[in-house]
Amino acid sequence: MVTGFTGCAAKSATTPKAAIVTIEISPTTPPDLTVHTNLQLTATATYADGSTGDITNTANWTGFNNTVLTVSTTGSVYGVSAGSAKVNAALGGITSLPVLVTVVAPQ
């Protein structure tokens, strides 16, 4: 028989990540994209504690002219037709500044 033992529940030592304060897309000035090719963009979050992290695969990506380009859920931009369109990324209520992607006709 064990006496004097009151038991103790283990607590998780995980700390939640600090809030996102900014999101930046790179490259900030993408190279021209040829029609029917892809360009991978990357989204990096800066957190309130000063740390940064790659959020490319978790951000919500938006392309602003689907007749020129489409953007996947992982930041891959596909050139549909010649023209220019802006793309941004958002997460946690924070939205990046848009980057301008220019799609050109094949040579």
Protein backbone atom coordinates (compact mmCIF):
# COMPACT_ATOMS: atom_id res chain seq x y z
CA MET A 1 0.00 0.00 0.00
CA VAL A 2 1.31 3.44 -0.98
CA THR A 3 0.55 6.27 1.39
CA GLY A 4 1.12 10.01 1.10
CA PHE A 5 0.96 10.02 -2.72
CA THR A 6 -1.44 12.61 -4.08
CA GLY A 7 -0.69 12.23 -7.78
CA CYS A 8 0.23 14.88 -10.29
CA ALA A 9 -1.04 15.44 -13.80
CA ALA A 10 1.57 16.31 -16.40
CA LYS A 11 1.07 19.62 -18.20
CA SER A 12 1.99 20.33 -21.78
CA ALA A 13 5.02 22.56 -22.18
CA THR A 14 3.97 23.93 -25.57
CA THR A 15 3.75 27.68 -25.95
CA PRO A 16 1.53 29.18 -28.64
CA LYS A 17 3.30 31.02 -31.48
CA ALA A 18 3.26 34.82 -31.24
CA ALA A 19 0.76 36.68 -33.41
CA ILE A 20 1.65 37.45 -37.02
CA VAL A 21 2.42 41.14 -37.56
CA THR A 22 3.50 41.13 -41.23
CA ILE A 23 3.61 38.80 -44.22
CA GLU A 24 6.07 39.24 -47.08
CA ILE A 25 5.98 37.50 -50.44
CA SER A 26 9.22 36.70 -52.20
CA PRO A 27 10.47 37.39 -54.64
CA THR A 28 9.12 40.92 -54.11
CA THR A 29 9.73 41.66 -57.79
CA PRO A 30 9.05 38.36 -59.57
CA PRO A 31 10.67 37.71 -62.93
CA ASP A 32 8.40 37.71 -65.97
CA LEU A 33 6.39 34.51 -66.21
CA THR A 34 5.84 32.93 -69.63
CA VAL A 35 2.32 31.80 -70.54
CA HIS A 36 1.73 28.15 -69.57
CA THR A 37 4.59 28.04 -67.05
CA ASN A 38 4.73 28.17 -63.25
CA LEU A 39 6.49 30.40 -60.75
CA GLN A 40 6.74 29.49 -57.07
CA LEU A 41 6.19 32.33 -54.61
CA THR A 42 7.07 32.11 -50.92
CA ALA A 43 5.26 33.73 -47.98
CA THR A 44 7.19 34.56 -44.81
CA ALA A 45 5.48 35.70 -41.62
CA THR A 46 7.11 37.97 -39.07
CA TYR A 47 5.70 37.38 -35.59
CA ALA A 48 5.25 39.78 -32.68
CA ASP A 49 8.23 38.22 -30.89
CA GLY A 50 10.49 39.08 -33.87
CA SER A 51 10.77 35.54 -35.17
CA THR A 52 9.96 34.60 -38.76
CA GLY A 53 8.53 31.51 -40.38
CA ASP A 54 7.65 30.11 -43.78
CA ILE A 55 3.85 30.08 -44.16
CA THR A 56 3.79 29.35 -47.90
CA ASN A 57 1.72 26.18 -47.52
CA THR A 58 -0.70 27.55 -44.91
CA ALA A 59 -1.37 31.05 -46.25
CA ASN A 60 -4.47 31.91 -48.25
CA TRP A 61 -3.22 32.98 -51.69
CA THR A 62 -5.18 35.32 -53.95
CA GLY A 63 -4.60 36.25 -57.59
CA PHE A 64 -6.46 39.34 -58.77
CA ASN A 65 -6.97 38.53 -62.45
CA ASN A 66 -7.71 34.90 -63.30
CA THR A 67 -7.62 35.64 -67.03
CA VAL A 68 -3.89 36.45 -66.66
CA LEU A 69 -2.80 34.03 -63.94
CA THR A 70 -3.99 31.57 -61.35
CA VAL A 71 -2.40 30.89 -57.99
CA SER A 72 -2.55 27.59 -56.11
CA THR A 73 -3.10 27.07 -52.41
CA THR A 74 0.67 26.64 -52.08
CA GLY A 75 1.74 29.85 -53.87
CA SER A 76 2.45 28.41 -57.30
CA VAL A 77 1.50 30.96 -59.97
CA TYR A 78 0.50 29.71 -63.43
CA GLY A 79 0.55 32.04 -66.45
CA VAL A 80 -2.73 31.88 -68.37
CA SER A 81 -2.36 34.78 -70.84
CA ALA A 82 -0.16 37.84 -71.37
CA GLY A 83 -0.76 40.69 -68.93
CA SER A 84 -0.10 41.68 -65.34
CA ALA A 85 -1.87 40.80 -62.12
CA LYS A 86 -1.29 41.20 -58.41
CA VAL A 87 -0.95 38.32 -55.96
CA ASN A 88 -1.08 38.43 -52.17
CA ALA A 89 -1.05 36.04 -49.22
CA ALA A 90 -3.00 36.22 -45.97
CA LEU A 91 -3.08 34.37 -42.67
CA GLY A 92 -4.34 35.14 -39.20
CA GLY A 93 -6.09 38.32 -40.28
CA ILE A 94 -2.89 39.78 -41.78
CA THR A 95 -2.50 40.31 -45.55
CA SER A 96 0.76 40.87 -47.40
CA LEU A 97 1.42 43.73 -49.74
CA PRO A 98 0.66 42.46 -53.23
CA VAL A 99 3.38 41.59 -55.71
CA LEU A 100 2.88 42.31 -59.38
CA VAL A 101 3.40 39.33 -61.68
CA THR A 102 3.80 39.99 -65.39
CA VAL A 103 2.92 37.15 -67.76
CA VAL A 104 4.47 37.29 -71.23
CA ALA A 105 3.76 35.41 -74.44
CA PRO A 106 6.25 32.68 -75.36
CA GLN A 107 9.02 33.77 -77.75
